PDB file of N, CA and C in Angstrom:
ATOM      1  N   UNK A   1     -28.863  13.098 -82.833  1.00  0.00           N
ATOM      2  CA  UNK A   1     -27.797  12.188 -83.214  1.00  0.00           C
ATOM      3  C   UNK A   1     -28.372  10.787 -83.409  1.00  0.00           C
ATOM      4  N   UNK A   2     -27.914  10.103 -84.437  1.00  0.00           N
ATOM      5  CA  UNK A   2     -28.390   8.757 -84.732  1.00  0.00           C
ATOM      6  C   UNK A   2     -27.735   7.734 -83.811  1.00  0.00           C
ATOM      7  N   UNK A   3     -28.513   6.757 -83.391  1.00  0.00           N
ATOM      8  CA  UNK A   3     -27.964   5.669 -82.590  1.00  0.00           C
ATOM      9  C   UNK A   3     -27.699   4.486 -83.508  1.00  0.00           C
ATOM     10  N   UNK A   4     -26.929   3.485 -83.057  1.00  0.00           N
ATOM     11  CA  UNK A   4     -26.669   2.307 -83.887  1.00  0.00           C
ATOM     12  C   UNK A   4     -27.934   1.565 -84.287  1.00  0.00           C
ATOM     13  N   UNK A   5     -29.011   1.767 -83.554  1.00  0.00           N
ATOM     14  CA  UNK A   5     -30.255   1.071 -83.855  1.00  0.00           C
ATOM     15  C   UNK A   5     -31.067   1.781 -84.934  1.00  0.00           C
ATOM     16  N   UNK A   6     -30.630   2.964 -85.376  1.00  0.00           N
ATOM     17  CA  UNK A   6     -31.385   3.723 -86.367  1.00  0.00           C
ATOM     18  C   UNK A   6     -31.278   3.137 -87.763  1.00  0.00           C
ATOM     19  N   UNK A   7     -30.121   2.624 -88.135  1.00  0.00           N
ATOM     20  CA  UNK A   7     -29.903   2.142 -89.497  1.00  0.00           C
ATOM     21  C   UNK A   7     -29.133   0.824 -89.475  1.00  0.00           C
ATOM     22  N   UNK A   8     -29.352   0.060 -90.542  1.00  0.00           N
ATOM     23  CA  UNK A   8     -28.738  -1.260 -90.653  1.00  0.00           C
ATOM     24  C   UNK A   8     -28.412  -1.515 -92.112  1.00  0.00           C
ATOM     25  N   UNK A   9     -27.227  -2.035 -92.369  1.00  0.00           N
ATOM     26  CA  UNK A   9     -26.841  -2.435 -93.724  1.00  0.00           C
ATOM     27  C   UNK A   9     -26.642  -3.943 -93.703  1.00  0.00           C
ATOM     28  N   UNK A  10     -27.350  -4.639 -94.591  1.00  0.00           N
ATOM     29  CA  UNK A  10     -27.300  -6.097 -94.656  1.00  0.00           C
ATOM     30  C   UNK A  10     -26.824  -6.512 -96.039  1.00  0.00           C
ATOM     31  N   UNK A  11     -25.707  -7.200 -96.093  1.00  0.00           N
ATOM     32  CA  UNK A  11     -25.109  -7.619 -97.351  1.00  0.00           C
ATOM     33  C   UNK A  11     -25.349  -9.115 -97.548  1.00  0.00           C
ATOM     34  N   UNK A  12     -26.107  -9.476 -98.580  1.00  0.00           N
ATOM     35  CA  UNK A  12     -26.430 -10.876 -98.827  1.00  0.00           C
ATOM     36  C   UNK A  12     -25.197 -11.706 -99.196  1.00  0.00           C
ATOM     37  N   UNK A  13     -24.116 -11.044 -99.571  1.00  0.00           N
ATOM     38  CA  UNK A  13     -22.881 -11.774 -99.855  1.00  0.00           C
ATOM     39  C   UNK A  13     -22.199 -12.234 -98.574  1.00  0.00           C
ATOM     40  N   UNK A  14     -22.530 -11.595 -97.456  1.00  0.00           N
ATOM     41  CA  UNK A  14     -22.003 -11.938 -96.126  1.00  0.00           C
ATOM     42  C   UNK A  14     -23.152 -11.805 -95.134  1.00  0.00           C
ATOM     43  N   UNK A  15     -24.121 -12.728 -95.206  1.00  0.00           N
ATOM     44  CA  UNK A  15     -25.371 -12.527 -94.457  1.00  0.00           C
ATOM     45  C   UNK A  15     -25.277 -12.664 -92.941  1.00  0.00           C
ATOM     46  N   UNK A  16     -24.363 -13.465 -92.444  1.00  0.00           N
ATOM     47  CA  UNK A  16     -24.281 -13.692 -90.999  1.00  0.00           C
ATOM     48  C   UNK A  16     -22.875 -13.413 -90.495  1.00  0.00           C
ATOM     49  N   UNK A  17     -22.803 -12.967 -89.255  1.00  0.00           N
ATOM     50  CA  UNK A  17     -21.508 -12.655 -88.653  1.00  0.00           C
ATOM     51  C   UNK A  17     -20.983 -13.824 -87.826  1.00  0.00           C
ATOM     52  N   UNK A  18     -21.881 -14.495 -87.123  1.00  0.00           N
ATOM     53  CA  UNK A  18     -21.459 -15.580 -86.235  1.00  0.00           C
ATOM     54  C   UNK A  18     -21.989 -16.918 -86.742  1.00  0.00           C
ATOM     55  N   UNK A  19     -21.681 -17.968 -86.024  1.00  0.00           N
ATOM     56  CA  UNK A  19     -22.142 -19.318 -86.377  1.00  0.00           C
ATOM     57  C   UNK A  19     -23.250 -19.802 -85.447  1.00  0.00           C
ATOM     58  N   UNK A  20     -23.720 -18.933 -84.558  1.00  0.00           N
ATOM     59  CA  UNK A  20     -24.745 -19.318 -83.584  1.00  0.00           C
ATOM     60  C   UNK A  20     -25.909 -18.333 -83.650  1.00  0.00           C
ATOM     61  N   UNK A  21     -27.120 -18.843 -83.742  1.00  0.00           N
ATOM     62  CA  UNK A  21     -28.294 -17.982 -83.840  1.00  0.00           C
ATOM     63  C   UNK A  21     -28.416 -17.068 -82.626  1.00  0.00           C
ATOM     64  N   UNK A  22     -28.105 -17.570 -81.460  1.00  0.00           N
ATOM     65  CA  UNK A  22     -28.190 -16.754 -80.240  1.00  0.00           C
ATOM     66  C   UNK A  22     -27.357 -15.475 -80.383  1.00  0.00           C
ATOM     67  N   UNK A  23     -26.159 -15.592 -80.944  1.00  0.00           N
ATOM     68  CA  UNK A  23     -25.293 -14.429 -81.127  1.00  0.00           C
ATOM     69  C   UNK A  23     -25.867 -13.458 -82.155  1.00  0.00           C
ATOM     70  N   UNK A  24     -26.435 -13.976 -83.238  1.00  0.00           N
ATOM     71  CA  UNK A  24     -27.050 -13.115 -84.258  1.00  0.00           C
ATOM     72  C   UNK A  24     -28.235 -12.353 -83.651  1.00  0.00           C
ATOM     73  N   UNK A  25     -29.020 -13.024 -82.831  1.00  0.00           N
ATOM     74  CA  UNK A  25     -30.166 -12.383 -82.177  1.00  0.00           C
ATOM     75  C   UNK A  25     -29.692 -11.224 -81.303  1.00  0.00           C
ATOM     76  N   UNK A  26     -28.611 -11.427 -80.582  1.00  0.00           N
ATOM     77  CA  UNK A  26     -28.049 -10.353 -79.750  1.00  0.00           C
ATOM     78  C   UNK A  26     -27.524  -9.204 -80.610  1.00  0.00           C
ATOM     79  N   UNK A  27     -26.845  -9.525 -81.700  1.00  0.00           N
ATOM     80  CA  UNK A  27     -26.293  -8.494 -82.580  1.00  0.00           C
ATOM     81  C   UNK A  27     -27.387  -7.620 -83.197  1.00  0.00           C
ATOM     82  N   UNK A  28     -28.528  -8.216 -83.485  1.00  0.00           N
ATOM     83  CA  UNK A  28     -29.634  -7.476 -84.096  1.00  0.00           C
ATOM     84  C   UNK A  28     -30.572  -6.858 -83.056  1.00  0.00           C
ATOM     85  N   UNK A  29     -30.262  -7.013 -81.776  1.00  0.00           N
ATOM     86  CA  UNK A  29     -31.060  -6.431 -80.679  1.00  0.00           C
ATOM     87  C   UNK A  29     -32.509  -6.901 -80.712  1.00  0.00           C
ATOM     88  N   UNK A  30     -32.698  -8.205 -80.879  1.00  0.00           N
ATOM     89  CA  UNK A  30     -34.041  -8.768 -80.942  1.00  0.00           C
ATOM     90  C   UNK A  30     -34.426  -9.310 -79.565  1.00  0.00           C
ATOM     91  N   UNK A  31     -35.620  -8.931 -79.108  1.00  0.00           N
ATOM     92  CA  UNK A  31     -36.080  -9.361 -77.789  1.00  0.00           C
ATOM     93  C   UNK A  31     -36.688 -10.770 -77.849  1.00  0.00           C
ATOM     94  N   UNK A  32     -37.127 -11.277 -76.705  1.00  0.00           N
ATOM     95  CA  UNK A  32     -37.654 -12.637 -76.601  1.00  0.00           C
ATOM     96  C   UNK A  32     -38.873 -12.852 -77.495  1.00  0.00           C
ATOM     97  N   UNK A  33     -39.774 -11.897 -77.527  1.00  0.00           N
ATOM     98  CA  UNK A  33     -40.960 -12.012 -78.381  1.00  0.00           C
ATOM     99  C   UNK A  33     -40.546 -12.049 -79.854  1.00  0.00           C
ATOM    100  N   UNK A  34     -39.605 -11.200 -80.222  1.00  0.00           N
ATOM    101  CA  UNK A  34     -39.107 -11.175 -81.593  1.00  0.00           C
ATOM    102  C   UNK A  34     -38.411 -12.468 -81.970  1.00  0.00           C
ATOM    103  N   UNK A  35     -37.760 -13.091 -81.002  1.00  0.00           N
ATOM    104  CA  UNK A  35     -37.066 -14.358 -81.249  1.00  0.00           C
ATOM    105  C   UNK A  35     -38.048 -15.449 -81.685  1.00  0.00           C
ATOM    106  N   UNK A  36     -39.192 -15.513 -81.036  1.00  0.00           N
ATOM    107  CA  UNK A  36     -40.209 -16.507 -81.405  1.00  0.00           C
ATOM    108  C   UNK A  36     -40.749 -16.223 -82.807  1.00  0.00           C
ATOM    109  N   UNK A  37     -40.980 -14.971 -83.114  1.00  0.00           N
ATOM    110  CA  UNK A  37     -41.454 -14.580 -84.445  1.00  0.00           C
ATOM    111  C   UNK A  37     -40.382 -14.899 -85.490  1.00  0.00           C
ATOM    112  N   UNK A  38     -39.117 -14.674 -85.141  1.00  0.00           N
ATOM    113  CA  UNK A  38     -38.002 -14.967 -86.038  1.00  0.00           C
ATOM    114  C   UNK A  38     -37.991 -16.439 -86.428  1.00  0.00           C
ATOM    115  N   UNK A  39     -38.056 -17.310 -85.449  1.00  0.00           N
ATOM    116  CA  UNK A  39     -38.013 -18.748 -85.728  1.00  0.00           C
ATOM    117  C   UNK A  39     -39.204 -19.175 -86.585  1.00  0.00           C
ATOM    118  N   UNK A  40     -40.375 -18.634 -86.285  1.00  0.00           N
ATOM    119  CA  UNK A  40     -41.579 -18.961 -87.050  1.00  0.00           C
ATOM    120  C   UNK A  40     -41.469 -18.443 -88.493  1.00  0.00           C
ATOM    121  N   UNK A  41     -41.033 -17.217 -88.656  1.00  0.00           N
ATOM    122  CA  UNK A  41     -40.892 -16.627 -89.995  1.00  0.00           C
ATOM    123  C   UNK A  41     -39.859 -17.381 -90.823  1.00  0.00           C
ATOM    124  N   UNK A  42     -38.739 -17.708 -90.199  1.00  0.00           N
ATOM    125  CA  UNK A  42     -37.689 -18.417 -90.921  1.00  0.00           C
ATOM    126  C   UNK A  42     -38.175 -19.798 -91.361  1.00  0.00           C
ATOM    127  N   UNK A  43     -38.872 -20.497 -90.485  1.00  0.00           N
ATOM    128  CA  UNK A  43     -39.375 -21.825 -90.845  1.00  0.00           C
ATOM    129  C   UNK A  43     -40.398 -21.735 -91.983  1.00  0.00           C
ATOM    130  N   UNK A  44     -41.243 -20.723 -91.940  1.00  0.00           N
ATOM    131  CA  UNK A  44     -42.237 -20.543 -93.000  1.00  0.00           C
ATOM    132  C   UNK A  44     -41.545 -20.257 -94.344  1.00  0.00           C
ATOM    133  N   UNK A  45     -40.491 -19.457 -94.330  1.00  0.00           N
ATOM    134  CA  UNK A  45     -39.785 -19.103 -95.563  1.00  0.00           C
ATOM    135  C   UNK A  45     -38.899 -20.222 -96.095  1.00  0.00           C
ATOM    136  N   UNK A  46     -38.228 -20.913 -95.186  1.00  0.00           N
ATOM    137  CA  UNK A  46     -37.194 -21.874 -95.604  1.00  0.00           C
ATOM    138  C   UNK A  46     -37.618 -23.332 -95.501  1.00  0.00           C
ATOM    139  N   UNK A  47     -38.644 -23.606 -94.705  1.00  0.00           N
ATOM    140  CA  UNK A  47     -39.039 -24.987 -94.477  1.00  0.00           C
ATOM    141  C   UNK A  47     -38.155 -25.689 -93.459  1.00  0.00           C
ATOM    142  N   UNK A  48     -37.291 -24.948 -92.795  1.00  0.00           N
ATOM    143  CA  UNK A  48     -36.352 -25.520 -91.820  1.00  0.00           C
ATOM    144  C   UNK A  48     -36.570 -24.859 -90.465  1.00  0.00           C
ATOM    145  N   UNK A  49     -36.666 -25.680 -89.420  1.00  0.00           N
ATOM    146  CA  UNK A  49     -36.790 -25.111 -88.075  1.00  0.00           C
ATOM    147  C   UNK A  49     -35.402 -24.949 -87.467  1.00  0.00           C
ATOM    148  N   UNK A  50     -35.273 -23.919 -86.639  1.00  0.00           N
ATOM    149  CA  UNK A  50     -34.000 -23.648 -85.973  1.00  0.00           C
ATOM    150  C   UNK A  50     -34.259 -23.291 -84.518  1.00  0.00           C
ATOM    151  N   UNK A  51     -33.245 -23.489 -83.706  1.00  0.00           N
ATOM    152  CA  UNK A  51     -33.305 -23.108 -82.294  1.00  0.00           C
ATOM    153  C   UNK A  51     -32.235 -22.049 -82.048  1.00  0.00           C
ATOM    154  N   UNK A  52     -32.260 -21.455 -80.869  1.00  0.00           N
ATOM    155  CA  UNK A  52     -31.276 -20.409 -80.571  1.00  0.00           C
ATOM    156  C   UNK A  52     -29.856 -20.956 -80.515  1.00  0.00           C
ATOM    157  N   UNK A  53     -29.693 -22.246 -80.275  1.00  0.00           N
ATOM    158  CA  UNK A  53     -28.358 -22.845 -80.237  1.00  0.00           C
ATOM    159  C   UNK A  53     -27.965 -23.468 -81.572  1.00  0.00           C
ATOM    160  N   UNK A  54     -28.753 -23.219 -82.595  1.00  0.00           N
ATOM    161  CA  UNK A  54     -28.518 -23.825 -83.905  1.00  0.00           C
ATOM    162  C   UNK A  54     -27.158 -23.396 -84.469  1.00  0.00           C
ATOM    163  N   UNK A  55     -26.440 -24.359 -85.042  1.00  0.00           N
ATOM    164  CA  UNK A  55     -25.173 -24.086 -85.718  1.00  0.00           C
ATOM    165  C   UNK A  55     -25.497 -23.572 -87.115  1.00  0.00           C
ATOM    166  N   UNK A  56     -25.293 -22.300 -87.344  1.00  0.00           N
ATOM    167  CA  UNK A  56     -25.688 -21.672 -88.601  1.00  0.00           C
ATOM    168  C   UNK A  56     -24.840 -22.105 -89.789  1.00  0.00           C
ATOM    169  N   UNK A  57     -23.709 -22.747 -89.528  1.00  0.00           N
ATOM    170  CA  UNK A  57     -22.890 -23.237 -90.643  1.00  0.00           C
ATOM    171  C   UNK A  57     -23.590 -24.365 -91.387  1.00  0.00           C
ATOM    172  N   UNK A  58     -24.618 -24.957 -90.775  1.00  0.00           N
ATOM    173  CA  UNK A  58     -25.384 -26.034 -91.401  1.00  0.00           C
ATOM    174  C   UNK A  58     -26.400 -25.522 -92.424  1.00  0.00           C
ATOM    175  N   UNK A  59     -26.654 -24.217 -92.436  1.00  0.00           N
ATOM    176  CA  UNK A  59     -27.626 -23.648 -93.362  1.00  0.00           C
ATOM    177  C   UNK A  59     -27.017 -23.449 -94.739  1.00  0.00           C
ATOM    178  N   UNK A  60     -27.851 -23.543 -95.764  1.00  0.00           N
ATOM    179  CA  UNK A  60     -27.391 -23.245 -97.117  1.00  0.00           C
ATOM    180  C   UNK A  60     -27.206 -21.733 -97.249  1.00  0.00           C
ATOM    181  N   UNK A  61     -26.605 -21.308 -98.335  1.00  0.00           N
ATOM    182  CA  UNK A  61     -26.411 -19.880 -98.566  1.00  0.00           C
ATOM    183  C   UNK A  61     -27.723 -19.125 -98.626  1.00  0.00           C
ATOM    184  N   UNK A  62     -28.707 -19.691 -99.329  1.00  0.00           N
ATOM    185  CA  UNK A  62     -30.013 -19.052 -99.424  1.00  0.00           C
ATOM    186  C   UNK A  62     -30.709 -18.980 -98.077  1.00  0.00           C
ATOM    187  N   UNK A  63     -30.577 -20.033 -97.261  1.00  0.00           N
ATOM    188  CA  UNK A  63     -31.180 -20.027 -95.932  1.00  0.00           C
ATOM    189  C   UNK A  63     -30.528 -18.959 -95.050  1.00  0.00           C
ATOM    190  N   UNK A  64     -29.238 -18.758 -95.195  1.00  0.00           N
ATOM    191  CA  UNK A  64     -28.554 -17.709 -94.422  1.00  0.00           C
ATOM    192  C   UNK A  64     -29.074 -16.332 -94.811  1.00  0.00           C
ATOM    193  N   UNK A  65     -29.307 -16.123 -96.102  1.00  0.00           N
ATOM    194  CA  UNK A  65     -29.833 -14.838 -96.570  1.00  0.00           C
ATOM    195  C   UNK A  65     -31.259 -14.629 -96.041  1.00  0.00           C
ATOM    196  N   UNK A  66     -32.074 -15.665 -96.062  1.00  0.00           N
ATOM    197  CA  UNK A  66     -33.425 -15.561 -95.510  1.00  0.00           C
ATOM    198  C   UNK A  66     -33.393 -15.246 -94.013  1.00  0.00           C
ATOM    199  N   UNK A  67     -32.466 -15.865 -93.300  1.00  0.00           N
ATOM    200  CA  UNK A  67     -32.329 -15.588 -91.873  1.00  0.00           C
ATOM    201  C   UNK A  67     -31.920 -14.137 -91.655  1.00  0.00           C
ATOM    202  N   UNK A  68     -30.978 -13.647 -92.461  1.00  0.00           N
ATOM    203  CA  UNK A  68     -30.558 -12.245 -92.364  1.00  0.00           C
ATOM    204  C   UNK A  68     -31.754 -11.321 -92.587  1.00  0.00           C
ATOM    205  N   UNK A  69     -32.575 -11.631 -93.579  1.00  0.00           N
ATOM    206  CA  UNK A  69     -33.759 -10.832 -93.869  1.00  0.00           C
ATOM    207  C   UNK A  69     -34.691 -10.793 -92.663  1.00  0.00           C
ATOM    208  N   UNK A  70     -34.980 -11.946 -92.096  1.00  0.00           N
ATOM    209  CA  UNK A  70     -35.861 -12.020 -90.924  1.00  0.00           C
ATOM    210  C   UNK A  70     -35.279 -11.255 -89.737  1.00  0.00           C
ATOM    211  N   UNK A  71     -33.998 -11.433 -89.489  1.00  0.00           N
ATOM    212  CA  UNK A  71     -33.337 -10.732 -88.386  1.00  0.00           C
ATOM    213  C   UNK A  71     -33.437  -9.222 -88.569  1.00  0.00           C
ATOM    214  N   UNK A  72     -33.141  -8.758 -89.768  1.00  0.00           N
ATOM    215  CA  UNK A  72     -33.154  -7.319 -90.034  1.00  0.00           C
ATOM    216  C   UNK A  72     -34.547  -6.729 -89.860  1.00  0.00           C
ATOM    217  N   UNK A  73     -35.549  -7.410 -90.396  1.00  0.00           N
ATOM    218  CA  UNK A  73     -36.909  -6.885 -90.313  1.00  0.00           C
ATOM    219  C   UNK A  73     -37.439  -6.875 -88.886  1.00  0.00           C
ATOM    220  N   UNK A  74     -36.926  -7.757 -88.041  1.00  0.00           N
ATOM    221  CA  UNK A  74     -37.351  -7.788 -86.638  1.00  0.00           C
ATOM    222  C   UNK A  74     -36.496  -6.903 -85.733  1.00  0.00           C
ATOM    223  N   UNK A  75     -35.407  -6.388 -86.264  1.00  0.00           N
ATOM    224  CA  UNK A  75     -34.533  -5.528 -85.472  1.00  0.00           C
ATOM    225  C   UNK A  75     -35.197  -4.178 -85.219  1.00  0.00           C
ATOM    226  N   UNK A  76     -34.710  -3.434 -84.245  1.00  0.00           N
ATOM    227  CA  UNK A  76     -35.284  -2.109 -83.985  1.00  0.00           C
ATOM    228  C   UNK A  76     -34.835  -1.040 -84.993  1.00  0.00           C
ATOM    229  N   UNK A  77     -33.980  -1.397 -85.942  1.00  0.00           N
ATOM    230  CA  UNK A  77     -33.508  -0.421 -86.930  1.00  0.00           C
ATOM    231  C   UNK A  77     -34.689   0.147 -87.707  1.00  0.00           C
ATOM    232  N   UNK A  78     -34.687   1.450 -87.891  1.00  0.00           N
ATOM    233  CA  UNK A  78     -35.767   2.103 -88.635  1.00  0.00           C
ATOM    234  C   UNK A  78     -35.499   2.127 -90.136  1.00  0.00           C
ATOM    235  N   UNK A  79     -34.239   2.054 -90.491  1.00  0.00           N
ATOM    236  CA  UNK A  79     -33.837   2.127 -91.892  1.00  0.00           C
ATOM    237  C   UNK A  79     -32.915   0.944 -92.193  1.00  0.00           C
ATOM    238  N   UNK A  80     -33.189   0.238 -93.299  1.00  0.00           N
ATOM    239  CA  UNK A  80     -32.387  -0.936 -93.659  1.00  0.00           C
ATOM    240  C   UNK A  80     -32.005  -0.845 -95.129  1.00  0.00           C
ATOM    241  N   UNK A  81     -30.734  -1.099 -95.400  1.00  0.00           N
ATOM    242  CA  UNK A  81     -30.260  -1.230 -96.778  1.00  0.00           C
ATOM    243  C   UNK A  81     -29.893  -2.696 -96.967  1.00  0.00           C
ATOM    244  N   UNK A  82     -30.547  -3.345 -97.935  1.00  0.00           N
ATOM    245  CA  UNK A  82     -30.218  -4.724 -98.284  1.00  0.00           C
ATOM    246  C   UNK A  82     -29.390  -4.693 -99.560  1.00  0.00           C
ATOM    247  N   UNK A  83     -28.185  -5.199 -99.486  1.00  0.00           N
ATOM    248  CA  UNK A  83     -27.314  -5.261-100.657  1.00  0.00           C
ATOM    249  C   UNK A  83     -27.369  -6.662-101.256  1.00  0.00           C
ATOM    250  N   UNK A  84     -27.634  -6.727-102.562  1.00  0.00           N
ATOM    251  CA  UNK A  84     -27.646  -7.972-103.337  1.00  0.00           C
ATOM    252  C   UNK A  84     -28.662  -8.995-102.855  1.00  0.00           C
ATOM    253  N   UNK A  85     -29.716  -8.560-102.224  1.00  0.00           N
ATOM    254  CA  UNK A  85     -30.733  -9.485-101.730  1.00  0.00           C
ATOM    255  C   UNK A  85     -31.422 -10.214-102.884  1.00  0.00           C
ATOM    256  N   UNK A  86     -31.814  -9.504-103.896  1.00  0.00           N
ATOM    257  CA  UNK A  86     -32.532 -10.107-105.027  1.00  0.00           C
ATOM    258  C   UNK A  86     -31.688 -11.164-105.728  1.00  0.00           C
ATOM    259  N   UNK A  87     -30.416 -10.895-105.882  1.00  0.00           N
ATOM    260  CA  UNK A  87     -29.538 -11.806-106.616  1.00  0.00           C
ATOM    261  C   UNK A  87     -29.163 -13.044-105.807  1.00  0.00           C
ATOM    262  N   UNK A  88     -29.502 -13.061-104.535  1.00  0.00           N
ATOM    263  CA  UNK A  88     -29.128 -14.170-103.665  1.00  0.00           C
ATOM    264  C   UNK A  88     -30.265 -15.151-103.397  1.00  0.00           C
ATOM    265  N   UNK A  89     -31.453 -14.850-103.928  1.00  0.00           N
ATOM    266  CA  UNK A  89     -32.617 -15.696-103.670  1.00  0.00           C
ATOM    267  C   UNK A  89     -33.234 -16.173-104.984  1.00  0.00           C
ATOM    268  N   UNK A  90     -33.767 -17.399-104.965  1.00  0.00           N
ATOM    269  CA  UNK A  90     -34.482 -17.880-106.154  1.00  0.00           C
ATOM    270  C   UNK A  90     -35.793 -17.105-106.278  1.00  0.00           C
ATOM    271  N   UNK A  91     -36.472 -17.268-107.413  1.00  0.00           N
ATOM    272  CA  UNK A  91     -37.677 -16.484-107.706  1.00  0.00           C
ATOM    273  C   UNK A  91     -38.752 -16.660-106.637  1.00  0.00           C
ATOM    274  N   UNK A  92     -38.951 -17.875-106.162  1.00  0.00           N
ATOM    275  CA  UNK A  92     -39.968 -18.151-105.147  1.00  0.00           C
ATOM    276  C   UNK A  92     -39.646 -17.436-103.839  1.00  0.00           C
ATOM    277  N   UNK A  93     -38.421 -17.564-103.382  1.00  0.00           N
ATOM    278  CA  UNK A  93     -38.014 -16.930-102.114  1.00  0.00           C
ATOM    279  C   UNK A  93     -38.001 -15.406-102.266  1.00  0.00           C
ATOM    280  N   UNK A  94     -37.614 -14.920-103.438  1.00  0.00           N
ATOM    281  CA  UNK A  94     -37.593 -13.479-103.685  1.00  0.00           C
ATOM    282  C   UNK A  94     -39.012 -12.910-103.565  1.00  0.00           C
ATOM    283  N   UNK A  95     -39.991 -13.637-104.071  1.00  0.00           N
ATOM    284  CA  UNK A  95     -41.381 -13.207-103.980  1.00  0.00           C
ATOM    285  C   UNK A  95     -41.817 -13.077-102.516  1.00  0.00           C
ATOM    286  N   UNK A  96     -41.458 -14.066-101.707  1.00  0.00           N
ATOM    287  CA  UNK A  96     -41.781 -14.008-100.274  1.00  0.00           C
ATOM    288  C   UNK A  96     -41.040 -12.855 -99.593  1.00  0.00           C
ATOM    289  N   UNK A  97     -39.785 -12.653 -99.962  1.00  0.00           N
ATOM    290  CA  UNK A  97     -38.996 -11.561 -99.384  1.00  0.00           C
ATOM    291  C   UNK A  97     -39.631 -10.211 -99.720  1.00  0.00           C
ATOM    292  N   UNK A  98     -40.060 -10.047-100.957  1.00  0.00           N
ATOM    293  CA  UNK A  98     -40.705  -8.798-101.362  1.00  0.00           C
ATOM    294  C   UNK A  98     -41.974  -8.540-100.553  1.00  0.00           C
ATOM    295  N   UNK A  99     -42.729  -9.576-100.319  1.00  0.00           N
ATOM    296  CA  UNK A  99     -43.953  -9.432 -99.529  1.00  0.00           C
ATOM    297  C   UNK A  99     -43.611  -8.980 -98.106  1.00  0.00           C
ATOM    298  N   UNK A 100     -42.619  -9.611 -97.503  1.00  0.00           N
ATOM    299  CA  UNK A 100     -42.216  -9.240 -96.146  1.00  0.00           C
ATOM    300  C   UNK A 100     -41.737  -7.787 -96.098  1.00  0.00           C
ATOM    301  N   UNK A 101     -40.964  -7.396 -97.096  1.00  0.00           N
ATOM    302  CA  UNK A 101     -40.438  -6.032 -97.152  1.00  0.00           C
ATOM    303  C   UNK A 101     -41.583  -5.028 -97.314  1.00  0.00           C
ATOM    304  N   UNK A 102     -42.528  -5.335 -98.190  1.00  0.00           N
ATOM    305  CA  UNK A 102     -43.641  -4.398 -98.432  1.00  0.00           C
ATOM    306  C   UNK A 102     -44.544  -4.272 -97.207  1.00  0.00           C
ATOM    307  N   UNK A 103     -44.635  -5.312 -96.397  1.00  0.00           N
ATOM    308  CA  UNK A 103     -45.459  -5.281 -95.193  1.00  0.00           C
ATOM    309  C   UNK A 103     -44.754  -4.605 -94.016  1.00  0.00           C
ATOM    310  N   UNK A 104     -43.474  -4.357 -94.154  1.00  0.00           N
ATOM    311  CA  UNK A 104     -42.696  -3.749 -93.084  1.00  0.00           C
ATOM    312  C   UNK A 104     -42.957  -2.241 -93.034  1.00  0.00           C
ATOM    313  N   UNK A 105     -42.880  -1.684 -91.838  1.00  0.00           N
ATOM    314  CA  UNK A 105     -43.039  -0.240 -91.680  1.00  0.00           C
ATOM    315  C   UNK A 105     -41.689   0.477 -91.669  1.00  0.00           C
ATOM    316  N   UNK A 106     -40.650  -0.221 -92.058  1.00  0.00           N
ATOM    317  CA  UNK A 106     -39.305   0.338 -92.064  1.00  0.00           C
ATOM    318  C   UNK A 106     -38.994   1.008 -93.399  1.00  0.00           C
ATOM    319  N   UNK A 107     -38.021   1.897 -93.387  1.00  0.00           N
ATOM    320  CA  UNK A 107     -37.532   2.543 -94.603  1.00  0.00           C
ATOM    321  C   UNK A 107     -36.485   1.590 -95.192  1.00  0.00           C
ATOM    322  N   UNK A 108     -36.828   0.930 -96.286  1.00  0.00           N
ATOM    323  CA  UNK A 108     -35.962  -0.118 -96.843  1.00  0.00           C
ATOM    324  C   UNK A 108     -35.476   0.269 -98.239  1.00  0.00           C
ATOM    325  N   UNK A 109     -34.184   0.089 -98.450  1.00  0.00           N
ATOM    326  CA  UNK A 109     -33.563   0.332 -99.744  1.00  0.00           C
ATOM    327  C   UNK A 109     -32.959  -0.982-100.220  1.00  0.00           C
ATOM    328  N   UNK A 110     -33.248  -1.325-101.482  1.00  0.00           N
ATOM    329  CA  UNK A 110     -32.637  -2.500-102.096  1.00  0.00           C
ATOM    330  C   UNK A 110     -31.545  -2.023-103.024  1.00  0.00           C
ATOM    331  N   UNK A 111     -30.334  -2.447-102.757  1.00  0.00           N
ATOM    332  CA  UNK A 111     -29.211  -2.046-103.582  1.00  0.00           C
ATOM    333  C   UNK A 111     -28.417  -3.254-104.036  1.00  0.00           C
ATOM    334  N   UNK A 112     -27.506  -3.016-104.954  1.00  0.00           N
ATOM    335  CA  UNK A 112     -26.635  -4.090-105.400  1.00  0.00           C
ATOM    336  C   UNK A 112     -25.260  -3.518-105.703  1.00  0.00           C
ATOM    337  N   UNK A 113     -24.267  -4.350-105.600  1.00  0.00           N
ATOM    338  CA  UNK A 113     -22.908  -3.963-105.959  1.00  0.00           C
ATOM    339  C   UNK A 113     -22.714  -4.213-107.434  1.00  0.00           C
ATOM    340  N   UNK A 114     -22.235  -3.250-108.125  1.00  0.00           N
ATOM    341  CA  UNK A 114     -22.017  -3.400-109.560  1.00  0.00           C
ATOM    342  C   UNK A 114     -20.634  -3.905-109.844  1.00  0.00           C
TER     343      UNK A 114
END
């Protein structure tokens, strides 16, 4: 039987559920070590540093999508479906996202809503 940690669906049209990074980290089941990697990865991708108490409403739409990507890739989910990820990022960020996805050992599907 599959557990909730087996698969994850991430929709770039609704990238975050809460307004606090701490809550998103809990929702994605990310441990303390993963949290440090998350902050580092997000800063490298977006140029913006964040803390666990960061108010996520201050992020731009693209930054929220990048954060969702980082959270998903660091989650324990073995399979991830990203919906509309390509259409939500500029060419530069999309290139970085593709690199991160290709380096991941997860089963990743890129989909879009028609």
